[in-house]
Amino acid sequence: MQHNSRCLYCNKLLPISTPGHRACQYCNDACRKAASRRRKAMTHAITLQQQWNILPAAARERLETIQDRYGPEAAQLATEAIREVFTESLTQVFRIAHTFRFCKQS
């Protein structure tokens, strides 16, 4: 006995699949594409959250606000800007430390 399955996006009942054919997962292309966009956004959000783990809580909260208000692309741009500033700052710290060490040895 075959049972109707449901659309993975909107949860509508799907027609019973023809024997020998793969069962449908979505009721139409719009649901298939929407599900794909949702999966991509969730994956992107997880990736951003992993990048934010090294940041202070206040910075993470602001990035989450940016993501909620303006979307994942804006949050990614803000994350990249923070990374560039962070990298620049570390480079300057290492230069100062190297200069200090060099001057101390002289």
C-alpha atoms as a PDB file:
ATOM      1  CA  MET A   1       0.000   0.000   0.000  1.00  0.00           C
ATOM      2  CA  GLN A   2       1.420   3.354  -1.016  1.00  0.00           C
ATOM      3  CA  HIS A   3       0.980   6.502   1.065  1.00  0.00           C
ATOM      4  CA  ASN A   4       0.909  10.064  -0.126  1.00  0.00           C
ATOM      5  CA  SER A   5       3.986  11.946   0.889  1.00  0.00           C
ATOM      6  CA  ARG A   6       4.130  15.665   1.529  1.00  0.00           C
ATOM      7  CA  CYS A   7       6.004  18.512  -0.151  1.00  0.00           C
ATOM      8  CA  LEU A   8       9.223  19.136   1.745  1.00  0.00           C
ATOM      9  CA  TYR A   9       8.680  22.893   1.523  1.00  0.00           C
ATOM     10  CA  CYS A  10       4.959  23.663   1.896  1.00  0.00           C
ATOM     11  CA  ASN A  11       3.790  20.326   3.339  1.00  0.00           C
ATOM     12  CA  LYS A  12       0.981  19.848   0.772  1.00  0.00           C
ATOM     13  CA  LEU A  13       0.045  16.296  -0.105  1.00  0.00           C
ATOM     14  CA  LEU A  14       1.803  14.982  -3.189  1.00  0.00           C
ATOM     15  CA  PRO A  15       0.313  12.563  -5.688  1.00  0.00           C
ATOM     16  CA  ILE A  16       1.251   8.906  -5.307  1.00  0.00           C
ATOM     17  CA  SER A  17       4.272   8.241  -7.476  1.00  0.00           C
ATOM     18  CA  THR A  18       4.104   5.918 -10.443  1.00  0.00           C
ATOM     19  CA  PRO A  19       5.741   2.547  -9.735  1.00  0.00           C
ATOM     20  CA  GLY A  20       9.291   2.513 -11.077  1.00  0.00           C
ATOM     21  CA  HIS A  21       9.609   6.299 -10.890  1.00  0.00           C
ATOM     22  CA  ARG A  22      11.246   8.364  -8.231  1.00  0.00           C
ATOM     23  CA  ALA A  23       8.824   9.885  -5.734  1.00  0.00           C
ATOM     24  CA  CYS A  24       8.292  13.641  -5.943  1.00  0.00           C
ATOM     25  CA  GLN A  25       9.683  15.683  -3.089  1.00  0.00           C
ATOM     26  CA  TYR A  26       8.079  19.021  -3.984  1.00  0.00           C
ATOM     27  CA  CYS A  27       4.674  19.927  -5.353  1.00  0.00           C
ATOM     28  CA  ASN A  28       6.094  22.312  -7.987  1.00  0.00           C
ATOM     29  CA  ASP A  29       9.217  24.143  -9.148  1.00  0.00           C
ATOM     30  CA  ALA A  30       8.459  27.169  -6.960  1.00  0.00           C
ATOM     31  CA  CYS A  31       8.590  25.000  -3.814  1.00  0.00           C
ATOM     32  CA  ARG A  32      11.715  23.187  -5.048  1.00  0.00           C
ATOM     33  CA  LYS A  33      13.520  26.493  -5.656  1.00  0.00           C
ATOM     34  CA  ALA A  34      12.306  28.037  -2.398  1.00  0.00           C
ATOM     35  CA  ALA A  35      13.578  24.998  -0.495  1.00  0.00           C
ATOM     36  CA  SER A  36      16.907  25.295  -2.273  1.00  0.00           C
ATOM     37  CA  ARG A  37      17.173  28.977  -1.346  1.00  0.00           C
ATOM     38  CA  ARG A  38      16.295  28.181   2.265  1.00  0.00           C
ATOM     39  CA  ARG A  39      18.974  25.436   2.443  1.00  0.00           C
ATOM     40  CA  LYS A  40      21.554  27.787   0.939  1.00  0.00           C
ATOM     41  CA  ALA A  41      20.646  30.574   3.386  1.00  0.00           C
ATOM     42  CA  MET A  42      20.862  28.188   6.341  1.00  0.00           C
ATOM     43  CA  THR A  43      24.261  26.900   5.210  1.00  0.00           C
ATOM     44  CA  HIS A  44      25.450  30.471   4.718  1.00  0.00           C
ATOM     45  CA  ALA A  45      24.188  31.439   8.178  1.00  0.00           C
ATOM     46  CA  ILE A  46      26.019  28.511   9.774  1.00  0.00           C
ATOM     47  CA  THR A  47      29.218  29.498   7.986  1.00  0.00           C
ATOM     48  CA  LEU A  48      28.859  33.103   9.193  1.00  0.00           C
ATOM     49  CA  GLN A  49      28.174  31.926  12.746  1.00  0.00           C
ATOM     50  CA  GLN A  50      31.384  29.872  12.635  1.00  0.00           C
ATOM     51  CA  GLN A  51      33.334  32.932  11.493  1.00  0.00           C
ATOM     52  CA  TRP A  52      31.789  35.004  14.291  1.00  0.00           C
ATOM     53  CA  ASN A  53      32.817  32.589  17.062  1.00  0.00           C
ATOM     54  CA  ILE A  54      36.159  34.362  17.547  1.00  0.00           C
ATOM     55  CA  LEU A  55      34.539  37.797  17.926  1.00  0.00           C
ATOM     56  CA  PRO A  56      33.393  39.455  21.156  1.00  0.00           C
ATOM     57  CA  ALA A  57      29.706  39.007  22.033  1.00  0.00           C
ATOM     58  CA  ALA A  58      28.828  42.632  21.201  1.00  0.00           C
ATOM     59  CA  ALA A  59      30.269  42.284  17.682  1.00  0.00           C
ATOM     60  CA  ARG A  60      28.400  38.996  17.129  1.00  0.00           C
ATOM     61  CA  GLU A  61      25.138  40.619  18.228  1.00  0.00           C
ATOM     62  CA  ARG A  62      25.625  43.521  15.808  1.00  0.00           C
ATOM     63  CA  LEU A  63      26.424  41.146  12.952  1.00  0.00           C
ATOM     64  CA  GLU A  64      23.294  39.121  13.752  1.00  0.00           C
ATOM     65  CA  THR A  65      21.281  42.357  13.637  1.00  0.00           C
ATOM     66  CA  ILE A  66      22.808  43.203  10.254  1.00  0.00           C
ATOM     67  CA  GLN A  67      21.948  39.723   9.004  1.00  0.00           C
ATOM     68  CA  ASP A  68      18.347  39.955  10.260  1.00  0.00           C
ATOM     69  CA  ARG A  69      17.730  43.453   8.863  1.00  0.00           C
ATOM     70  CA  TYR A  70      19.703  43.387   5.613  1.00  0.00           C
ATOM     71  CA  GLY A  71      20.290  39.714   4.801  1.00  0.00           C
ATOM     72  CA  PRO A  72      23.237  37.308   4.710  1.00  0.00           C
ATOM     73  CA  GLU A  73      25.087  39.162   1.939  1.00  0.00           C
ATOM     74  CA  ALA A  74      25.325  42.324   4.055  1.00  0.00           C
ATOM     75  CA  ALA A  75      26.429  40.277   7.065  1.00  0.00           C
ATOM     76  CA  GLN A  76      29.111  38.611   4.943  1.00  0.00           C
ATOM     77  CA  LEU A  77      30.401  42.005   3.757  1.00  0.00           C
ATOM     78  CA  ALA A  78      30.504  43.291   7.341  1.00  0.00           C
ATOM     79  CA  THR A  79      32.320  40.124   8.434  1.00  0.00           C
ATOM     80  CA  GLU A  80      34.905  40.575   5.675  1.00  0.00           C
ATOM     81  CA  ALA A  81      35.425  44.222   6.685  1.00  0.00           C
ATOM     82  CA  ILE A  82      35.985  43.173  10.302  1.00  0.00           C
ATOM     83  CA  ARG A  83      38.424  40.477   9.172  1.00  0.00           C
ATOM     84  CA  GLU A  84      40.402  43.002   7.094  1.00  0.00           C
ATOM     85  CA  VAL A  85      40.621  45.471   9.991  1.00  0.00           C
ATOM     86  CA  PHE A  86      41.562  42.659  12.379  1.00  0.00           C
ATOM     87  CA  THR A  87      44.283  41.397  10.020  1.00  0.00           C
ATOM     88  CA  GLU A  88      45.625  44.922   9.543  1.00  0.00           C
ATOM     89  CA  SER A  89      45.720  45.485  13.302  1.00  0.00           C
ATOM     90  CA  LEU A  90      47.541  42.218  13.928  1.00  0.00           C
ATOM     91  CA  THR A  91      50.074  43.075  11.240  1.00  0.00           C
ATOM     92  CA  GLN A  92      50.752  46.421  12.936  1.00  0.00           C
ATOM     93  CA  VAL A  93      51.112  44.735  16.334  1.00  0.00           C
ATOM     94  CA  PHE A  94      53.645  42.269  14.920  1.00  0.00           C
ATOM     95  CA  ARG A  95      55.589  45.102  13.270  1.00  0.00           C
ATOM     96  CA  ILE A  96      55.718  47.038  16.526  1.00  0.00           C
ATOM     97  CA  ALA A  97      56.760  43.925  18.460  1.00  0.00           C
ATOM     98  CA  HIS A  98      59.463  43.165  15.891  1.00  0.00           C
ATOM     99  CA  THR A  99      60.718  46.767  15.973  1.00  0.00           C
ATOM    100  CA  PHE A 100      60.735  46.758  19.768  1.00  0.00           C
ATOM    101  CA  ARG A 101      62.646  43.476  19.864  1.00  0.00           C
ATOM    102  CA  PHE A 102      65.113  44.739  17.246  1.00  0.00           C
ATOM    103  CA  CYS A 103      65.678  48.024  19.139  1.00  0.00           C
ATOM    104  CA  LYS A 104      66.070  46.168  22.458  1.00  0.00           C
ATOM    105  CA  GLN A 105      68.824  43.941  20.997  1.00  0.00           C
ATOM    106  CA  SER A 106      70.836  46.916  19.682  1.00  0.00           C
END
